[in-house]
Amino acid sequence: MLSNLGGVEQLGFDFGVQPRKLVRVTPAKLATWTDCPRRFRMTYLDRPAPPRGGAWAHNTLGAVVHNALKALFDLPPERRTPEQAVALVNRQWKSEGFRDADQAAEYRGRACTWVHDYVSSLDVDFEPLGVERWVSSPTDRIVAEGRVDRIDHRDGELVIVDYKTGRHVLTSDDARGSQALALYALAARRTLRKPCRRVELHHLPSGTVAAWEHTEESLARHVRRAEEAADEIDLATETLKAGGDREILFPPVTGRQCQWCDFRRSCAEGQAAAPPLEPWDLLAP
C-alpha cells in the first residue's frame, strides 16, 4: 500500500518545485527583440509608450491587400471573383503614408491588379480551414502563438499561406528561414490536430509562390532559436521589473533598420546611425 512507502518523496513527486513558467511569444515579438532590444522595450514594456512615427505607405498597402483577401474568403465561393476582389480593395483602401493623392492612386491601381491576377489564379471553390486564424502551441519553454493569413487543407495536411506585398521577389530560402512560418506550422497542427509541414509565401506583385517543406528537425531548430530568444526576453523583463537598468538590459542595435523604426524620434543612437526615410520610400518602385 502507498501508505507504507514512507512519504510522497518516494513516489517521485516534489511538491516544493514549481513548474517552469512558459513565456508567451509571437513571431512579431521575437523578431522585434532580435532586431533591437530597445525597440522591444519601447513597443511592449514602456508605459506610457514613447510616441510612434506616422504611417508607412508600404504598411498601408499591405494591410489593404490582406484585408481585401480576408473579406473575399468570407464570401460564398460563387462570389469570390477577381472583380469582387478588386471591389474589396477599393472598399478597404486607405491613403495613410503616401506622398500625395497621385501616388496613392497609382498604388491603389497596382493593388487592384495584384489581387485581380491572384484571385484569377486560385481555385476559389475550396474552403480554407482558417483565414486570419489565431493559433497557439506550447513547447517545453514557450507558448508560440500568432495569427496566420490563411491555412489551407491539401491532401490531408495543413499548408500555411502568408501574403506578401513587398518590393522583393521571395525564394524558397525565405520560406525555409522564416521563423514566423515555422512557428505557425507548429501551432496550426496543434490547434487543428492535423499534420503541417508546408509553408508558402505568396508574393502578389510578382505572382510567385515561395514554398518549403519542413521536417521535424527543421521545425525543432526554429523552436530552439525561439526558446533561446524568449529566455533572453523573460530574463531582461523580470530584471527590469526588479529595478535593473533599462539601458543595459535593452540596448539599441543600430543599422539600416533605424531608418524606418517607429521610435526613431526617441532614440539618439538610431538617429545617428542612419538618415531618415520618407514614409513612401519603401514602396516598390
Protein backbone atom coordinates (compact mmCIF):
# COMPACT_ATOMS: atom_id res chain seq x y z
CA MET A 1 0.00 0.00 0.00
CA LEU A 2 1.14 3.56 -0.72
CA SER A 3 0.88 4.50 2.97
CA ASN A 4 3.70 2.08 3.75
CA LEU A 5 6.23 3.79 1.39
CA GLY A 6 7.21 6.46 3.91
CA GLY A 7 6.12 9.67 2.18
CA VAL A 8 5.41 11.38 -1.13
CA GLU A 9 9.11 11.79 -1.94
CA GLN A 10 9.31 8.05 -2.54
CA LEU A 11 6.54 8.33 -5.11
CA GLY A 12 8.69 10.63 -7.25
CA PHE A 13 6.80 13.86 -6.55
CA ASP A 14 8.40 17.07 -5.32
CA PHE A 15 5.66 19.47 -4.30
CA GLY A 16 8.25 22.13 -3.44
CA VAL A 17 9.25 22.60 -7.09
CA GLN A 18 7.07 24.95 -9.08
CA PRO A 19 6.57 24.22 -12.79
CA ARG A 20 8.53 26.48 -15.07
CA LYS A 21 6.57 29.45 -16.38
CA LEU A 22 6.04 29.28 -20.13
CA VAL A 23 6.79 32.55 -21.91
CA ARG A 24 4.12 33.58 -24.41
CA VAL A 25 5.65 34.85 -27.64
CA THR A 26 4.53 35.80 -31.12
CA PRO A 27 6.77 35.92 -34.19
CA ALA A 28 6.49 39.71 -34.11
CA LYS A 29 7.78 39.89 -30.54
CA LEU A 30 10.68 37.57 -31.29
CA ALA A 31 11.63 39.48 -34.43
CA THR A 32 11.46 42.82 -32.61
CA TRP A 33 13.73 41.53 -29.83
CA THR A 34 16.23 40.13 -32.31
CA ASP A 35 16.27 43.34 -34.35
CA CYS A 36 16.63 45.70 -31.39
CA PRO A 37 16.01 45.12 -27.68
CA ARG A 38 15.43 48.83 -27.13
CA ARG A 39 12.64 48.82 -29.73
CA PHE A 40 11.20 45.75 -27.99
CA ARG A 41 11.10 47.62 -24.70
CA MET A 42 9.50 50.69 -26.23
CA THR A 43 6.92 48.57 -28.07
CA TYR A 44 5.88 46.10 -25.39
CA LEU A 45 7.04 47.31 -21.97
CA ASP A 46 7.24 51.09 -21.67
CA ARG A 47 4.05 52.63 -20.29
CA PRO A 48 3.22 55.14 -21.44
CA ALA A 49 4.83 54.07 -24.69
CA PRO A 50 7.02 56.64 -26.48
CA PRO A 51 5.34 58.40 -29.40
CA ARG A 52 5.46 56.48 -32.66
CA GLY A 53 6.17 57.87 -36.09
CA GLY A 54 3.45 58.23 -38.68
CA ALA A 55 2.04 55.63 -41.05
CA TRP A 56 4.23 53.98 -43.69
CA ALA A 57 2.75 53.71 -47.16
CA HIS A 58 4.03 50.15 -47.72
CA ASN A 59 2.36 49.02 -44.50
CA THR A 60 -0.89 50.67 -45.53
CA LEU A 61 -0.70 48.93 -48.90
CA GLY A 62 -0.04 45.54 -47.33
CA ALA A 63 -2.89 45.92 -44.85
CA VAL A 64 -5.36 46.83 -47.60
CA VAL A 65 -4.44 43.74 -49.64
CA HIS A 66 -4.60 41.46 -46.60
CA ASN A 67 -7.99 42.84 -45.55
CA ALA A 68 -9.39 42.51 -49.05
CA LEU A 69 -8.35 38.86 -49.32
CA LYS A 70 -9.74 38.12 -45.89
CA ALA A 71 -13.06 39.67 -46.85
CA LEU A 72 -13.05 37.71 -50.12
CA PHE A 73 -12.91 34.36 -48.31
CA ASP A 74 -15.74 35.48 -46.05
CA LEU A 75 -17.95 35.43 -49.16
CA PRO A 76 -19.59 32.30 -50.59
CA PRO A 77 -17.46 30.64 -53.32
CA GLU A 78 -19.63 31.82 -56.21
CA ARG A 79 -18.92 35.44 -55.28
CA ARG A 80 -15.13 35.07 -54.97
CA THR A 81 -14.40 36.57 -58.36
CA PRO A 82 -11.46 38.72 -59.46
CA GLU A 83 -13.86 41.60 -59.94
CA GLN A 84 -15.15 41.22 -56.40
CA ALA A 85 -11.58 41.18 -55.11
CA VAL A 86 -10.92 44.49 -56.88
CA ALA A 87 -14.09 45.95 -55.38
CA LEU A 88 -12.91 44.88 -51.94
CA VAL A 89 -9.54 46.61 -52.43
CA ASN A 90 -11.38 49.80 -53.34
CA ARG A 91 -13.66 49.41 -50.33
CA GLN A 92 -10.74 48.79 -47.97
CA TRP A 93 -8.46 51.46 -49.42
CA LYS A 94 -6.66 53.97 -47.20
CA SER A 95 -4.09 56.58 -48.19
CA GLU A 96 -2.04 56.97 -44.99
CA GLY A 97 1.69 57.39 -45.62
CA PHE A 98 1.57 58.13 -49.34
CA ARG A 99 3.26 61.23 -50.70
CA ASP A 100 0.13 62.66 -52.32
CA ALA A 101 -3.14 61.71 -53.98
CA ASP A 102 -1.46 60.83 -57.27
CA GLN A 103 0.92 58.34 -55.64
CA ALA A 104 -1.91 56.82 -53.60
CA ALA A 105 -3.97 56.39 -56.78
CA GLU A 106 -1.05 54.72 -58.56
CA TYR A 107 -0.58 52.12 -55.83
CA ARG A 108 -4.30 51.63 -55.45
CA GLY A 109 -4.31 50.64 -59.09
CA ARG A 110 -1.38 48.29 -58.52
CA ALA A 111 -3.12 46.65 -55.58
CA CYS A 112 -6.24 46.11 -57.69
CA THR A 113 -4.17 44.45 -60.40
CA TRP A 114 -2.34 42.25 -57.89
CA VAL A 115 -5.47 40.86 -56.26
CA HIS A 116 -7.29 40.51 -59.60
CA ASP A 117 -4.48 38.40 -61.03
CA TYR A 118 -4.00 36.46 -57.80
CA VAL A 119 -7.66 35.52 -57.47
CA SER A 120 -7.78 34.64 -61.16
CA SER A 121 -5.11 32.01 -60.49
CA LEU A 122 -6.94 30.46 -57.50
CA ASP A 123 -9.47 27.69 -57.27
CA VAL A 124 -11.73 29.76 -55.06
CA ASP A 125 -14.24 26.93 -54.53
CA PHE A 126 -12.07 25.48 -51.77
CA GLU A 127 -12.69 26.45 -48.16
CA PRO A 128 -9.59 27.38 -46.13
CA LEU A 129 -9.52 25.89 -42.64
CA GLY A 130 -8.52 29.30 -41.35
CA VAL A 131 -8.41 32.91 -42.55
CA GLU A 132 -6.66 35.32 -40.19
CA ARG A 133 -6.77 32.38 -37.76
CA TRP A 134 -5.19 32.62 -34.32
CA VAL A 135 -3.16 29.50 -33.49
CA SER A 136 -1.15 28.54 -30.43
CA SER A 137 1.10 25.74 -29.22
CA PRO A 138 3.19 25.17 -26.10
CA THR A 139 6.72 23.80 -26.21
CA ASP A 140 8.93 22.93 -23.26
CA ARG A 141 9.69 26.61 -22.60
CA ILE A 142 7.34 28.85 -24.59
CA VAL A 143 3.82 29.23 -25.88
CA ALA A 144 4.17 30.13 -29.55
CA GLU A 145 1.13 31.88 -30.96
CA GLY A 146 0.10 34.17 -33.77
CA ARG A 147 -2.38 35.00 -36.49
CA VAL A 148 -2.00 33.19 -39.83
CA ASP A 149 -3.13 34.82 -43.07
CA ARG A 150 -4.58 31.57 -44.41
CA ILE A 151 -4.46 27.87 -43.56
CA ASP A 152 -5.26 25.51 -46.42
CA HIS A 153 -6.06 21.80 -46.21
CA ARG A 154 -4.44 19.90 -49.07
CA ASP A 155 -4.04 16.14 -49.41
CA GLY A 156 -4.68 15.54 -45.74
CA GLU A 157 -2.18 18.14 -44.47
CA LEU A 158 -2.29 21.78 -43.48
CA VAL A 159 -0.46 24.42 -45.50
CA ILE A 160 0.50 27.81 -44.07
CA VAL A 161 -0.07 30.66 -46.55
CA ASP A 162 1.41 34.10 -45.91
CA TYR A 163 0.63 37.01 -48.25
CA LYS A 164 3.46 39.37 -49.17
CA THR A 165 3.35 42.71 -51.00
CA GLY A 166 6.95 43.88 -50.55
CA ARG A 167 9.35 45.12 -53.19
CA HIS A 168 11.49 41.96 -53.37
CA VAL A 169 10.62 38.67 -55.03
CA LEU A 170 10.93 35.88 -52.48
CA THR A 171 12.59 32.46 -52.73
CA SER A 172 12.35 29.08 -51.04
CA ASP A 173 15.22 30.20 -48.80
CA ASP A 174 12.96 32.96 -47.46
CA ALA A 175 10.25 30.40 -46.70
CA ARG A 176 12.74 27.98 -45.15
CA GLY A 177 14.34 30.65 -42.95
CA SER A 178 11.13 32.28 -41.75
CA GLN A 179 10.78 31.66 -38.03
CA ALA A 180 7.25 33.02 -38.19
CA LEU A 181 6.12 30.43 -40.75
CA ALA A 182 7.76 27.59 -38.83
CA LEU A 183 6.06 28.58 -35.58
CA TYR A 184 2.75 28.98 -37.39
CA ALA A 185 3.12 25.45 -38.77
CA LEU A 186 3.83 24.08 -35.30
CA ALA A 187 0.93 25.97 -33.75
CA ALA A 188 -1.51 25.18 -36.56
CA ARG A 189 -1.01 21.43 -36.29
CA ARG A 190 -1.51 21.64 -32.52
CA THR A 191 -4.61 23.84 -32.80
CA LEU A 192 -6.26 22.00 -35.72
CA ARG A 193 -4.95 18.49 -34.93
CA LYS A 194 -3.63 17.81 -38.43
CA PRO A 195 -0.09 17.42 -39.79
CA CYS A 196 1.55 20.59 -41.11
CA ARG A 197 4.91 20.79 -42.84
CA ARG A 198 4.49 23.02 -45.89
CA VAL A 199 4.76 26.81 -45.66
CA GLU A 200 4.25 29.24 -48.54
CA LEU A 201 4.97 32.90 -49.21
CA HIS A 202 2.54 34.25 -51.82
CA HIS A 203 4.14 37.37 -53.33
CA LEU A 204 1.30 39.17 -55.06
CA PRO A 205 3.31 41.80 -57.01
CA SER A 206 5.24 39.10 -58.88
CA GLY A 207 2.59 36.38 -58.80
CA THR A 208 5.11 33.91 -57.38
CA VAL A 209 4.92 31.36 -54.56
CA ALA A 210 8.00 30.52 -52.48
CA ALA A 211 7.48 27.27 -50.58
CA TRP A 212 9.30 24.99 -48.16
CA GLU A 213 8.55 21.54 -46.74
CA HIS A 214 9.72 21.43 -43.14
CA THR A 215 10.97 18.33 -41.38
CA GLU A 216 10.70 17.65 -37.67
CA GLU A 217 14.38 18.59 -37.40
CA SER A 218 14.00 21.93 -39.18
CA LEU A 219 10.96 22.83 -37.07
CA ALA A 220 12.89 21.88 -33.93
CA ARG A 221 15.73 24.21 -34.92
CA HIS A 222 13.32 27.11 -35.23
CA VAL A 223 11.77 26.24 -31.88
CA ARG A 224 15.18 26.16 -30.18
CA ARG A 225 16.04 29.60 -31.51
CA ALA A 226 12.64 30.92 -30.42
CA GLU A 227 13.10 29.45 -26.94
CA GLU A 228 16.56 30.99 -26.60
CA ALA A 229 15.22 34.43 -27.58
CA ALA A 230 12.24 34.00 -25.24
CA ASP A 231 14.59 33.17 -22.35
CA GLU A 232 16.51 36.37 -23.04
CA ILE A 233 13.28 38.39 -23.20
CA ASP A 234 11.98 36.90 -19.97
CA LEU A 235 15.25 37.46 -18.10
CA ALA A 236 15.55 41.08 -19.25
CA THR A 237 11.90 41.80 -18.47
CA GLU A 238 11.98 40.30 -14.99
CA THR A 239 15.27 42.04 -14.19
CA LEU A 240 13.78 45.34 -15.32
CA LYS A 241 10.81 44.79 -13.01
CA ALA A 242 13.26 44.18 -10.15
CA GLY A 243 14.90 47.56 -10.75
CA GLY A 244 17.51 46.73 -13.37
CA ASP A 245 18.98 49.35 -15.68
CA ARG A 246 16.82 49.50 -18.79
CA GLU A 247 19.65 50.84 -20.96
CA ILE A 248 21.85 47.84 -20.09
CA LEU A 249 19.03 45.29 -20.31
CA PHE A 250 17.58 46.64 -23.55
CA PRO A 251 20.44 48.13 -25.58
CA PRO A 252 19.91 49.61 -29.04
CA VAL A 253 21.04 47.68 -32.10
CA THR A 254 21.71 50.22 -34.81
CA GLY A 255 21.86 49.87 -38.55
CA ARG A 256 19.79 50.47 -41.69
CA GLN A 257 16.68 49.41 -39.79
CA CYS A 258 16.91 52.64 -37.82
CA GLN A 259 15.73 54.46 -40.94
CA TRP A 260 12.23 53.08 -40.59
CA CYS A 261 11.97 52.50 -36.84
CA ASP A 262 8.70 53.77 -35.36
CA PHE A 263 10.56 55.06 -32.31
CA ARG A 264 13.34 56.86 -34.17
CA ARG A 265 12.47 60.23 -32.64
CA SER A 266 13.05 58.79 -29.14
CA CYS A 267 16.42 57.16 -29.93
CA ALA A 268 19.50 59.33 -30.36
CA GLU A 269 21.64 56.33 -31.38
CA GLY A 270 19.20 55.41 -34.12
CA GLN A 271 19.09 58.94 -35.44
CA ALA A 272 22.89 59.00 -35.63
CA ALA A 273 23.12 55.57 -37.28
CA ALA A 274 21.20 56.26 -40.50
CA PRO A 275 19.33 59.09 -42.23
CA PRO A 276 15.53 59.07 -42.06
CA LEU A 277 13.28 57.81 -44.84
CA GLU A 278 10.16 59.36 -46.21
CA PRO A 279 7.01 57.38 -45.39
CA TRP A 280 6.70 56.23 -49.03
CA ASP A 281 10.34 55.29 -49.63
CA LEU A 282 9.82 51.56 -49.00
CA LEU A 283 7.21 51.16 -51.70
CA ALA A 284 8.17 49.01 -54.66
CA PRO A 285 9.41 51.25 -57.50
